[in-house]
Amino acid sequence: MTDKPEHLPERLALLADVNAARFLSTGVLSGHEAPPYIALNKITEPVEATGARAEVVAVRDLVDDVMHLYREDARTKADAWLAPRLHAALRLSRREAADSGLWNFLALAVAPDYVVWRHLPTKGRDDLPPMVTASRFSGAHYTQAFSRLWWAAELFRNGSDYRPVQVACGNQDVLNTVLRLDIIDHRPTAQALIRLVAEGKVGTGREVNALAVVTNAAASTLMYDVLAEDDEWDGGAFDAWVEEADSAPPVPRRILPAGPDDGPVPSSAVDALAERFEQFFEDAAVRGRTEGTDFSDQG
């Protein structure tokens, strides 16, 4: 199994997708070999961020802690612990987080052992050894091992409150299905969906997938941002949170950190959409139901 890199880079960097692909050998994907760190670091580019935001150590410490806290048979539970803390430790702008080069670098140069630990399947295919899907190292924002957690934290947090993130990341179908939907860029929509999960009204994989399908389909005719208007986003508060990275205390392990204080989602907006989404869900047939349209195998 891949070991922790012996010589960690001190600063974050960018590793282009085309270059990352060169290092995704069978040995790396199976965890039997470590990436060639020296060669890899020679073709990276520095990030624009300076100070604490560009340091690797905080992320590496979180990775070490999460692998220590969770057994291999409970790896999926690690997402809910790591996502809010990764977001709080990195303090990225959305523009910075949209650069896949950063996530490629974290996965291959900083914590390839985590990617293997978290995403290595128990069995291989066609008599091959088990291998991590390449997109966990370098892939879409909703698939890549680190970006999926950061974006889940960014899109499901309620202002500075990361508790909805724990709910979202505690359900793999939310991460695998709902995180792909453009509708969750609308904060009340994201919070309404998570409320139904948190309240136990939607829980199983089939139920989450059905809810995702019907709410996404309804968005083609209903304007959620009109039905449930969000407050104007306080970009200044978010920018201040990013800039305060140098003076911020270490990310706590036993309690949730505080995210950017850019304002909570209006509760009235969440109430309105949660009620509507619950009605949509009641009309969506899931296995065991006899009425409605069967969306359970879609999405």
C-alpha atoms as a PDB file:
ATOM      1  CA  MET A   1       0.000   0.000   0.000  1.00  0.00           C
ATOM      2  CA  THR A   2       1.213   3.502  -0.826  1.00  0.00           C
ATOM      3  CA  ASP A   3       3.127   5.111   2.044  1.00  0.00           C
ATOM      4  CA  LYS A   4       3.125   8.737   3.088  1.00  0.00           C
ATOM      5  CA  PRO A   5       5.592  10.740   0.965  1.00  0.00           C
ATOM      6  CA  GLU A   6       8.952  10.933   2.744  1.00  0.00           C
ATOM      7  CA  HIS A   7       9.679  14.462   1.585  1.00  0.00           C
ATOM      8  CA  LEU A   8       6.534  16.544   1.464  1.00  0.00           C
ATOM      9  CA  PRO A   9       6.572  19.724  -0.610  1.00  0.00           C
ATOM     10  CA  GLU A  10       6.269  22.775   1.600  1.00  0.00           C
ATOM     11  CA  ARG A  11       3.851  24.681  -0.604  1.00  0.00           C
ATOM     12  CA  LEU A  12       0.822  23.888  -2.684  1.00  0.00           C
ATOM     13  CA  ALA A  13       1.301  23.809  -6.436  1.00  0.00           C
ATOM     14  CA  LEU A  14      -0.601  23.129  -9.640  1.00  0.00           C
ATOM     15  CA  LEU A  15      -0.215  19.922 -11.628  1.00  0.00           C
ATOM     16  CA  ALA A  16      -1.890  20.071 -15.033  1.00  0.00           C
ATOM     17  CA  ASP A  17      -4.349  17.321 -15.962  1.00  0.00           C
ATOM     18  CA  VAL A  18      -2.237  16.116 -18.869  1.00  0.00           C
ATOM     19  CA  ASN A  19       0.795  15.789 -16.612  1.00  0.00           C
ATOM     20  CA  ALA A  20      -1.147  14.113 -13.816  1.00  0.00           C
ATOM     21  CA  ALA A  21      -2.334  11.468 -16.272  1.00  0.00           C
ATOM     22  CA  ARG A  22       1.281  10.507 -16.996  1.00  0.00           C
ATOM     23  CA  PHE A  23       1.743   9.340 -13.403  1.00  0.00           C
ATOM     24  CA  LEU A  24      -1.437   7.282 -13.044  1.00  0.00           C
ATOM     25  CA  SER A  25       0.194   3.919 -13.646  1.00  0.00           C
ATOM     26  CA  THR A  26      -1.267   0.584 -12.621  1.00  0.00           C
ATOM     27  CA  GLY A  27       1.154   0.552  -9.703  1.00  0.00           C
ATOM     28  CA  VAL A  28      -0.009   3.933  -8.420  1.00  0.00           C
ATOM     29  CA  LEU A  29      -3.705   3.144  -8.897  1.00  0.00           C
ATOM     30  CA  SER A  30      -3.351  -0.181  -7.098  1.00  0.00           C
ATOM     31  CA  GLY A  31      -1.359   1.352  -4.240  1.00  0.00           C
ATOM     32  CA  HIS A  32       1.666  -0.850  -4.914  1.00  0.00           C
ATOM     33  CA  GLU A  33       3.853   2.026  -6.038  1.00  0.00           C
ATOM     34  CA  ALA A  34       4.267   5.634  -5.005  1.00  0.00           C
ATOM     35  CA  PRO A  35       4.215   8.371  -7.639  1.00  0.00           C
ATOM     36  CA  PRO A  36       7.702   9.512  -8.706  1.00  0.00           C
ATOM     37  CA  TYR A  37       7.679  12.578  -6.484  1.00  0.00           C
ATOM     38  CA  ILE A  38      10.860  14.222  -7.752  1.00  0.00           C
ATOM     39  CA  ALA A  39       9.814  14.025 -11.398  1.00  0.00           C
ATOM     40  CA  LEU A  40       6.297  15.108 -10.521  1.00  0.00           C
ATOM     41  CA  ASN A  41       7.343  18.201  -8.609  1.00  0.00           C
ATOM     42  CA  LYS A  42       9.572  19.352 -11.454  1.00  0.00           C
ATOM     43  CA  ILE A  43       6.567  19.953 -13.700  1.00  0.00           C
ATOM     44  CA  THR A  44       4.299  21.792 -11.257  1.00  0.00           C
ATOM     45  CA  GLU A  45       3.534  25.496 -11.168  1.00  0.00           C
ATOM     46  CA  PRO A  46       3.290  27.582  -7.980  1.00  0.00           C
ATOM     47  CA  VAL A  47      -0.087  28.753  -6.726  1.00  0.00           C
ATOM     48  CA  GLU A  48      -0.850  32.443  -6.456  1.00  0.00           C
ATOM     49  CA  ALA A  49      -1.710  32.165  -2.764  1.00  0.00           C
ATOM     50  CA  THR A  50       0.892  33.159  -0.186  1.00  0.00           C
ATOM     51  CA  GLY A  51       1.393  32.592   3.521  1.00  0.00           C
ATOM     52  CA  ALA A  52      -0.516  29.930   5.424  1.00  0.00           C
ATOM     53  CA  ARG A  53      -2.958  29.356   2.555  1.00  0.00           C
ATOM     54  CA  ALA A  54      -0.146  27.940   0.441  1.00  0.00           C
ATOM     55  CA  GLU A  55       1.297  25.605   3.065  1.00  0.00           C
ATOM     56  CA  VAL A  56       0.865  21.854   2.725  1.00  0.00           C
ATOM     57  CA  VAL A  57       1.296  20.811   6.343  1.00  0.00           C
ATOM     58  CA  ALA A  58      -2.244  21.600   7.539  1.00  0.00           C
ATOM     59  CA  VAL A  59      -3.833  19.429   4.866  1.00  0.00           C
ATOM     60  CA  ARG A  60      -1.345  16.629   5.389  1.00  0.00           C
ATOM     61  CA  ASP A  61      -2.016  16.638   9.139  1.00  0.00           C
ATOM     62  CA  LEU A  62      -5.772  16.357   8.506  1.00  0.00           C
ATOM     63  CA  VAL A  63      -5.215  13.413   6.187  1.00  0.00           C
ATOM     64  CA  ASP A  64      -3.069  11.646   8.776  1.00  0.00           C
ATOM     65  CA  ASP A  65      -5.694  12.233  11.450  1.00  0.00           C
ATOM     66  CA  VAL A  66      -8.656  11.021   9.406  1.00  0.00           C
ATOM     67  CA  MET A  67      -6.882   7.798   8.442  1.00  0.00           C
ATOM     68  CA  HIS A  68      -6.071   7.246  12.105  1.00  0.00           C
ATOM     69  CA  LEU A  69      -9.607   7.966  13.312  1.00  0.00           C
ATOM     70  CA  TYR A  70     -11.447   5.679  10.887  1.00  0.00           C
ATOM     71  CA  ARG A  71     -10.885   2.003  10.226  1.00  0.00           C
ATOM     72  CA  GLU A  72     -10.722   0.812   6.626  1.00  0.00           C
ATOM     73  CA  ASP A  73     -14.164  -0.763   6.961  1.00  0.00           C
ATOM     74  CA  ALA A  74     -15.572   2.682   7.912  1.00  0.00           C
ATOM     75  CA  ARG A  75     -13.831   4.755   5.271  1.00  0.00           C
ATOM     76  CA  THR A  76     -17.022   6.284   3.867  1.00  0.00           C
ATOM     77  CA  LYS A  77     -17.755   7.799   7.290  1.00  0.00           C
ATOM     78  CA  ALA A  78     -14.494   9.717   7.046  1.00  0.00           C
ATOM     79  CA  ASP A  79     -15.937  12.086   4.425  1.00  0.00           C
ATOM     80  CA  ALA A  80     -18.231  13.849   6.898  1.00  0.00           C
ATOM     81  CA  TRP A  81     -15.287  14.486   9.226  1.00  0.00           C
ATOM     82  CA  LEU A  82     -12.796  15.600   6.606  1.00  0.00           C
ATOM     83  CA  ALA A  83     -14.914  17.766   4.269  1.00  0.00           C
ATOM     84  CA  PRO A  84     -15.595  20.743   6.572  1.00  0.00           C
ATOM     85  CA  ARG A  85     -12.069  20.649   7.984  1.00  0.00           C
ATOM     86  CA  LEU A  86     -10.460  20.505   4.545  1.00  0.00           C
ATOM     87  CA  HIS A  87     -12.541  23.515   3.498  1.00  0.00           C
ATOM     88  CA  ALA A  88     -11.614  25.433   6.637  1.00  0.00           C
ATOM     89  CA  ALA A  89      -7.929  24.574   6.319  1.00  0.00           C
ATOM     90  CA  LEU A  90      -7.482  25.512   2.668  1.00  0.00           C
ATOM     91  CA  ARG A  91      -9.525  28.765   2.609  1.00  0.00           C
ATOM     92  CA  LEU A  92      -9.768  28.884  -1.167  1.00  0.00           C
ATOM     93  CA  SER A  93     -11.810  31.168  -3.342  1.00  0.00           C
ATOM     94  CA  ARG A  94     -14.138  29.406  -5.771  1.00  0.00           C
ATOM     95  CA  ARG A  95     -11.901  30.514  -8.617  1.00  0.00           C
ATOM     96  CA  GLU A  96      -8.927  28.846  -7.005  1.00  0.00           C
ATOM     97  CA  ALA A  97     -10.925  25.710  -6.210  1.00  0.00           C
ATOM     98  CA  ALA A  98     -12.053  25.455  -9.838  1.00  0.00           C
ATOM     99  CA  ASP A  99      -8.452  24.783 -10.929  1.00  0.00           C
ATOM    100  CA  SER A 100      -8.114  21.004 -11.163  1.00  0.00           C
ATOM    101  CA  GLY A 101      -4.339  21.366 -11.027  1.00  0.00           C
ATOM    102  CA  LEU A 102      -4.508  22.033  -7.283  1.00  0.00           C
ATOM    103  CA  TRP A 103      -6.460  18.852  -6.604  1.00  0.00           C
ATOM    104  CA  ASN A 104      -4.198  16.810  -8.873  1.00  0.00           C
ATOM    105  CA  PHE A 105      -1.241  18.037  -6.860  1.00  0.00           C
ATOM    106  CA  LEU A 106      -2.815  17.181  -3.500  1.00  0.00           C
ATOM    107  CA  ALA A 107      -3.731  13.701  -4.684  1.00  0.00           C
ATOM    108  CA  LEU A 108      -0.410  12.791  -6.267  1.00  0.00           C
ATOM    109  CA  ALA A 109       2.245  14.840  -4.463  1.00  0.00           C
ATOM    110  CA  VAL A 110       0.792  15.332  -0.968  1.00  0.00           C
ATOM    111  CA  ALA A 111      -1.537  12.462  -0.104  1.00  0.00           C
ATOM    112  CA  PRO A 112      -1.659   9.601  -2.628  1.00  0.00           C
ATOM    113  CA  ASP A 113      -1.828   7.239   0.342  1.00  0.00           C
ATOM    114  CA  TYR A 114      -5.116   8.829   1.403  1.00  0.00           C
ATOM    115  CA  VAL A 115      -6.617   8.474  -2.079  1.00  0.00           C
ATOM    116  CA  VAL A 116      -5.746   4.770  -2.075  1.00  0.00           C
ATOM    117  CA  TRP A 117      -6.935   4.299   1.518  1.00  0.00           C
ATOM    118  CA  ARG A 118     -10.261   5.997   0.843  1.00  0.00           C
ATOM    119  CA  HIS A 119     -11.093   4.772  -2.650  1.00  0.00           C
ATOM    120  CA  LEU A 120      -9.383   1.417  -3.253  1.00  0.00           C
ATOM    121  CA  PRO A 121     -12.131  -1.192  -3.880  1.00  0.00           C
ATOM    122  CA  THR A 122     -12.015  -4.483  -2.043  1.00  0.00           C
ATOM    123  CA  LYS A 123     -11.973  -6.506  -5.263  1.00  0.00           C
ATOM    124  CA  GLY A 124     -10.463  -6.045  -8.685  1.00  0.00           C
ATOM    125  CA  ARG A 125     -11.997  -6.773 -12.072  1.00  0.00           C
ATOM    126  CA  ASP A 126     -11.158  -9.492 -14.565  1.00  0.00           C
ATOM    127  CA  ASP A 127      -8.473 -11.091 -12.387  1.00  0.00           C
ATOM    128  CA  LEU A 128      -6.714  -7.724 -11.996  1.00  0.00           C
ATOM    129  CA  PRO A 129      -5.686  -6.348  -8.607  1.00  0.00           C
ATOM    130  CA  PRO A 130      -8.037  -3.791  -7.024  1.00  0.00           C
ATOM    131  CA  MET A 131      -7.331  -0.320  -8.394  1.00  0.00           C
ATOM    132  CA  VAL A 132      -8.530   3.169  -7.591  1.00  0.00           C
ATOM    133  CA  THR A 133     -10.469   4.771 -10.429  1.00  0.00           C
ATOM    134  CA  ALA A 134      -8.150   7.277 -12.098  1.00  0.00           C
ATOM    135  CA  SER A 135     -10.709  10.076 -11.678  1.00  0.00           C
ATOM    136  CA  ARG A 136     -10.194   9.918  -7.905  1.00  0.00           C
ATOM    137  CA  PHE A 137      -6.689  11.255  -8.522  1.00  0.00           C
ATOM    138  CA  SER A 138      -7.517  13.535 -11.444  1.00  0.00           C
ATOM    139  CA  GLY A 139     -11.144  14.055 -12.402  1.00  0.00           C
ATOM    140  CA  ALA A 140     -14.304  16.114 -12.220  1.00  0.00           C
ATOM    141  CA  HIS A 141     -14.950  18.255  -9.147  1.00  0.00           C
ATOM    142  CA  TYR A 142     -17.651  15.845  -7.930  1.00  0.00           C
ATOM    143  CA  THR A 143     -15.415  12.773  -8.327  1.00  0.00           C
ATOM    144  CA  GLN A 144     -11.831  13.696  -7.442  1.00  0.00           C
ATOM    145  CA  ALA A 145     -10.929  12.591  -3.907  1.00  0.00           C
ATOM    146  CA  PHE A 146     -10.270  16.051  -2.459  1.00  0.00           C
ATOM    147  CA  SER A 147     -12.244  18.409  -4.681  1.00  0.00           C
ATOM    148  CA  ARG A 148     -15.497  16.502  -4.056  1.00  0.00           C
ATOM    149  CA  LEU A 149     -15.127  17.146  -0.332  1.00  0.00           C
ATOM    150  CA  TRP A 150     -14.176  20.805  -0.692  1.00  0.00           C
ATOM    151  CA  TRP A 151     -17.046  21.540  -3.069  1.00  0.00           C
ATOM    152  CA  ALA A 152     -19.511  19.632  -0.889  1.00  0.00           C
ATOM    153  CA  ALA A 153     -18.451  21.810   2.030  1.00  0.00           C
ATOM    154  CA  GLU A 154     -18.713  24.990  -0.023  1.00  0.00           C
ATOM    155  CA  LEU A 155     -22.098  24.225  -1.550  1.00  0.00           C
ATOM    156  CA  PHE A 156     -23.829  22.682   1.473  1.00  0.00           C
ATOM    157  CA  ARG A 157     -22.546  24.896   4.292  1.00  0.00           C
ATOM    158  CA  ASN A 158     -25.083  27.333   5.710  1.00  0.00           C
ATOM    159  CA  GLY A 159     -22.933  30.402   6.061  1.00  0.00           C
ATOM    160  CA  SER A 160     -20.399  29.612   8.762  1.00  0.00           C
ATOM    161  CA  ASP A 161     -22.314  26.493   9.849  1.00  0.00           C
ATOM    162  CA  TYR A 162     -20.825  23.251   8.541  1.00  0.00           C
ATOM    163  CA  ARG A 163     -23.459  20.956  10.091  1.00  0.00           C
ATOM    164  CA  PRO A 164     -25.365  20.552   6.800  1.00  0.00           C
ATOM    165  CA  VAL A 165     -22.063  19.485   5.239  1.00  0.00           C
ATOM    166  CA  GLN A 166     -21.826  16.618   7.700  1.00  0.00           C
ATOM    167  CA  VAL A 167     -25.301  15.496   6.659  1.00  0.00           C
ATOM    168  CA  ALA A 168     -24.458  15.738   2.966  1.00  0.00           C
ATOM    169  CA  CYS A 169     -21.155  13.910   3.276  1.00  0.00           C
ATOM    170  CA  GLY A 170     -22.646  11.311   5.587  1.00  0.00           C
ATOM    171  CA  ASN A 171     -24.765  10.064   2.675  1.00  0.00           C
ATOM    172  CA  GLN A 172     -22.736   8.748  -0.260  1.00  0.00           C
ATOM    173  CA  ASP A 173     -25.654   9.158  -2.643  1.00  0.00           C
ATOM    174  CA  VAL A 174     -25.737  12.882  -1.924  1.00  0.00           C
ATOM    175  CA  LEU A 175     -22.044  13.077  -2.790  1.00  0.00           C
ATOM    176  CA  ASN A 176     -22.365  10.831  -5.828  1.00  0.00           C
ATOM    177  CA  THR A 177     -25.594  12.258  -7.269  1.00  0.00           C
ATOM    178  CA  VAL A 178     -26.729  15.570  -5.785  1.00  0.00           C
ATOM    179  CA  LEU A 179     -23.251  17.134  -5.922  1.00  0.00           C
ATOM    180  CA  ARG A 180     -23.390  16.864  -9.724  1.00  0.00           C
ATOM    181  CA  LEU A 181     -26.503  19.038 -10.017  1.00  0.00           C
ATOM    182  CA  ASP A 182     -26.259  22.680 -11.049  1.00  0.00           C
ATOM    183  CA  ILE A 183     -29.345  23.511  -8.975  1.00  0.00           C
ATOM    184  CA  ILE A 184     -27.384  23.323  -5.730  1.00  0.00           C
ATOM    185  CA  ASP A 185     -25.543  26.501  -6.681  1.00  0.00           C
ATOM    186  CA  HIS A 186     -28.739  28.089  -5.322  1.00  0.00           C
ATOM    187  CA  ARG A 187     -28.207  28.019  -1.572  1.00  0.00           C
ATOM    188  CA  PRO A 188     -31.868  27.584  -0.501  1.00  0.00           C
ATOM    189  CA  THR A 189     -32.169  24.630  -2.879  1.00  0.00           C
ATOM    190  CA  ALA A 190     -29.107  22.958  -1.399  1.00  0.00           C
ATOM    191  CA  GLN A 191     -30.320  23.513   2.160  1.00  0.00           C
ATOM    192  CA  ALA A 192     -33.852  22.293   1.373  1.00  0.00           C
ATOM    193  CA  LEU A 193     -32.521  19.065  -0.119  1.00  0.00           C
ATOM    194  CA  ILE A 194     -30.261  18.456   2.869  1.00  0.00           C
ATOM    195  CA  ARG A 195     -33.082  19.194   5.302  1.00  0.00           C
ATOM    196  CA  LEU A 196     -35.103  16.297   3.889  1.00  0.00           C
ATOM    197  CA  VAL A 197     -32.108  14.014   4.362  1.00  0.00           C
ATOM    198  CA  ALA A 198     -31.389  15.324   7.871  1.00  0.00           C
ATOM    199  CA  GLU A 199     -35.014  14.819   8.933  1.00  0.00           C
ATOM    200  CA  GLY A 200     -35.006  11.239   7.671  1.00  0.00           C
ATOM    201  CA  LYS A 201     -37.683  11.889   5.059  1.00  0.00           C
ATOM    202  CA  VAL A 202     -35.190  10.839   2.379  1.00  0.00           C
ATOM    203  CA  GLY A 203     -32.513   8.373   3.341  1.00  0.00           C
ATOM    204  CA  THR A 204     -31.809   5.355   1.153  1.00  0.00           C
ATOM    205  CA  GLY A 205     -29.806   5.550  -2.024  1.00  0.00           C
ATOM    206  CA  ARG A 206     -32.899   5.025  -4.168  1.00  0.00           C
ATOM    207  CA  GLU A 207     -34.708   7.777  -2.300  1.00  0.00           C
ATOM    208  CA  VAL A 208     -31.867  10.272  -2.667  1.00  0.00           C
ATOM    209  CA  ASN A 209     -31.538   9.510  -6.356  1.00  0.00           C
ATOM    210  CA  ALA A 210     -35.304   9.865  -6.868  1.00  0.00           C
ATOM    211  CA  LEU A 211     -35.308  13.203  -5.045  1.00  0.00           C
ATOM    212  CA  ALA A 212     -32.382  14.408  -7.165  1.00  0.00           C
ATOM    213  CA  VAL A 213     -34.147  13.475 -10.380  1.00  0.00           C
ATOM    214  CA  VAL A 214     -37.496  15.092  -9.605  1.00  0.00           C
ATOM    215  CA  THR A 215     -36.062  18.325  -8.195  1.00  0.00           C
ATOM    216  CA  ASN A 216     -33.655  18.683 -11.091  1.00  0.00           C
ATOM    217  CA  ALA A 217     -36.389  17.974 -13.621  1.00  0.00           C
ATOM    218  CA  ALA A 218     -38.748  20.480 -11.999  1.00  0.00           C
ATOM    219  CA  ALA A 219     -36.054  23.169 -12.248  1.00  0.00           C
ATOM    220  CA  SER A 220     -36.599  23.246 -16.013  1.00  0.00           C
ATOM    221  CA  THR A 221     -40.025  24.820 -15.461  1.00  0.00           C
ATOM    222  CA  LEU A 222     -39.816  26.295 -11.952  1.00  0.00           C
ATOM    223  CA  MET A 223     -37.383  29.059 -11.072  1.00  0.00           C
ATOM    224  CA  TYR A 224     -36.206  28.131  -7.596  1.00  0.00           C
ATOM    225  CA  ASP A 225     -34.344  31.401  -7.175  1.00  0.00           C
ATOM    226  CA  VAL A 226     -37.656  33.234  -7.679  1.00  0.00           C
ATOM    227  CA  LEU A 227     -39.758  30.887  -5.544  1.00  0.00           C
ATOM    228  CA  ALA A 228     -37.225  31.081  -2.729  1.00  0.00           C
ATOM    229  CA  GLU A 229     -35.082  34.171  -2.958  1.00  0.00           C
ATOM    230  CA  ASP A 230     -31.691  34.115  -1.283  1.00  0.00           C
ATOM    231  CA  ASP A 231     -30.142  37.095   0.469  1.00  0.00           C
ATOM    232  CA  GLU A 232     -27.462  38.917  -1.442  1.00  0.00           C
ATOM    233  CA  TRP A 233     -24.173  37.120  -0.958  1.00  0.00           C
ATOM    234  CA  ASP A 234     -21.701  38.876   1.311  1.00  0.00           C
ATOM    235  CA  GLY A 235     -18.570  38.454  -0.770  1.00  0.00           C
ATOM    236  CA  GLY A 236     -16.645  40.816   1.495  1.00  0.00           C
ATOM    237  CA  ALA A 237     -17.086  38.509   4.478  1.00  0.00           C
ATOM    238  CA  PHE A 238     -15.905  35.546   2.436  1.00  0.00           C
ATOM    239  CA  ASP A 239     -12.857  37.455   1.185  1.00  0.00           C
ATOM    240  CA  ALA A 240     -12.033  38.480   4.748  1.00  0.00           C
ATOM    241  CA  TRP A 241     -12.209  34.837   5.863  1.00  0.00           C
ATOM    242  CA  VAL A 242      -9.777  33.889   3.103  1.00  0.00           C
ATOM    243  CA  GLU A 243      -7.396  36.717   3.989  1.00  0.00           C
ATOM    244  CA  GLU A 244      -7.429  35.824   7.698  1.00  0.00           C
ATOM    245  CA  ALA A 245      -5.762  32.481   7.044  1.00  0.00           C
ATOM    246  CA  ASP A 246      -2.422  33.593   8.487  1.00  0.00           C
ATOM    247  CA  SER A 247      -3.948  34.479  11.854  1.00  0.00           C
ATOM    248  CA  ALA A 248      -6.498  31.654  12.019  1.00  0.00           C
ATOM    249  CA  PRO A 249      -6.092  29.005  14.744  1.00  0.00           C
ATOM    250  CA  PRO A 250      -5.506  25.373  13.744  1.00  0.00           C
ATOM    251  CA  VAL A 251      -8.606  23.586  12.483  1.00  0.00           C
ATOM    252  CA  PRO A 252     -10.209  21.858  15.490  1.00  0.00           C
ATOM    253  CA  ARG A 253     -10.530  18.083  15.489  1.00  0.00           C
ATOM    254  CA  ARG A 254     -13.186  17.462  18.165  1.00  0.00           C
ATOM    255  CA  ILE A 255     -15.629  20.191  17.186  1.00  0.00           C
ATOM    256  CA  LEU A 256     -16.593  21.627  13.838  1.00  0.00           C
ATOM    257  CA  PRO A 257     -14.651  24.647  12.618  1.00  0.00           C
ATOM    258  CA  ALA A 258     -16.432  27.852  11.654  1.00  0.00           C
ATOM    259  CA  GLY A 259     -16.682  28.637   7.981  1.00  0.00           C
ATOM    260  CA  PRO A 260     -16.823  32.040   6.315  1.00  0.00           C
ATOM    261  CA  ASP A 261     -19.383  34.261   7.999  1.00  0.00           C
ATOM    262  CA  ASP A 262     -21.085  35.325   4.771  1.00  0.00           C
ATOM    263  CA  GLY A 263     -24.602  34.941   6.118  1.00  0.00           C
ATOM    264  CA  PRO A 264     -27.011  32.046   6.622  1.00  0.00           C
ATOM    265  CA  VAL A 265     -29.630  31.053   4.070  1.00  0.00           C
ATOM    266  CA  PRO A 266     -33.026  32.678   4.826  1.00  0.00           C
ATOM    267  CA  SER A 267     -35.062  30.094   6.737  1.00  0.00           C
ATOM    268  CA  SER A 268     -38.263  31.144   4.967  1.00  0.00           C
ATOM    269  CA  ALA A 269     -36.697  30.293   1.606  1.00  0.00           C
ATOM    270  CA  VAL A 270     -35.579  26.879   2.842  1.00  0.00           C
ATOM    271  CA  ASP A 271     -39.030  26.218   4.324  1.00  0.00           C
ATOM    272  CA  ALA A 272     -40.751  27.021   1.046  1.00  0.00           C
ATOM    273  CA  LEU A 273     -38.547  24.768  -1.041  1.00  0.00           C
ATOM    274  CA  ALA A 274     -38.371  21.918   1.471  1.00  0.00           C
ATOM    275  CA  GLU A 275     -42.176  21.708   1.466  1.00  0.00           C
ATOM    276  CA  ARG A 276     -42.290  21.716  -2.317  1.00  0.00           C
ATOM    277  CA  PHE A 277     -39.486  19.152  -2.648  1.00  0.00           C
ATOM    278  CA  GLU A 278     -41.238  16.869  -0.192  1.00  0.00           C
ATOM    279  CA  GLN A 279     -44.321  17.005  -2.404  1.00  0.00           C
ATOM    280  CA  PHE A 280     -42.201  16.177  -5.451  1.00  0.00           C
ATOM    281  CA  PHE A 281     -40.706  13.241  -3.614  1.00  0.00           C
ATOM    282  CA  GLU A 282     -44.097  11.872  -2.603  1.00  0.00           C
ATOM    283  CA  ASP A 283     -45.002  11.632  -6.296  1.00  0.00           C
ATOM    284  CA  ALA A 284     -41.745   9.905  -7.225  1.00  0.00           C
ATOM    285  CA  ALA A 285     -42.045   6.132  -6.970  1.00  0.00           C
ATOM    286  CA  VAL A 286     -39.287   4.371  -5.090  1.00  0.00           C
ATOM    287  CA  ARG A 287     -39.160   0.612  -4.694  1.00  0.00           C
ATOM    288  CA  GLY A 288     -41.958  -0.391  -2.336  1.00  0.00           C
ATOM    289  CA  ARG A 289     -44.314   2.286  -3.581  1.00  0.00           C
ATOM    290  CA  THR A 290     -47.109   1.671  -6.024  1.00  0.00           C
ATOM    291  CA  GLU A 291     -47.920   5.163  -7.241  1.00  0.00           C
ATOM    292  CA  GLY A 292     -46.055   7.867  -9.062  1.00  0.00           C
ATOM    293  CA  THR A 293     -43.389   7.759 -11.687  1.00  0.00           C
ATOM    294  CA  ASP A 294     -40.465   5.436 -11.052  1.00  0.00           C
ATOM    295  CA  PHE A 295     -37.325   7.561 -10.924  1.00  0.00           C
ATOM    296  CA  SER A 296     -35.427   5.200  -8.638  1.00  0.00           C
ATOM    297  CA  ASP A 297     -33.050   3.838 -11.272  1.00  0.00           C
ATOM    298  CA  GLN A 298     -32.294   7.172 -12.913  1.00  0.00           C
ATOM    299  CA  GLY A 299     -29.844   9.936 -12.052  1.00  0.00           C
END
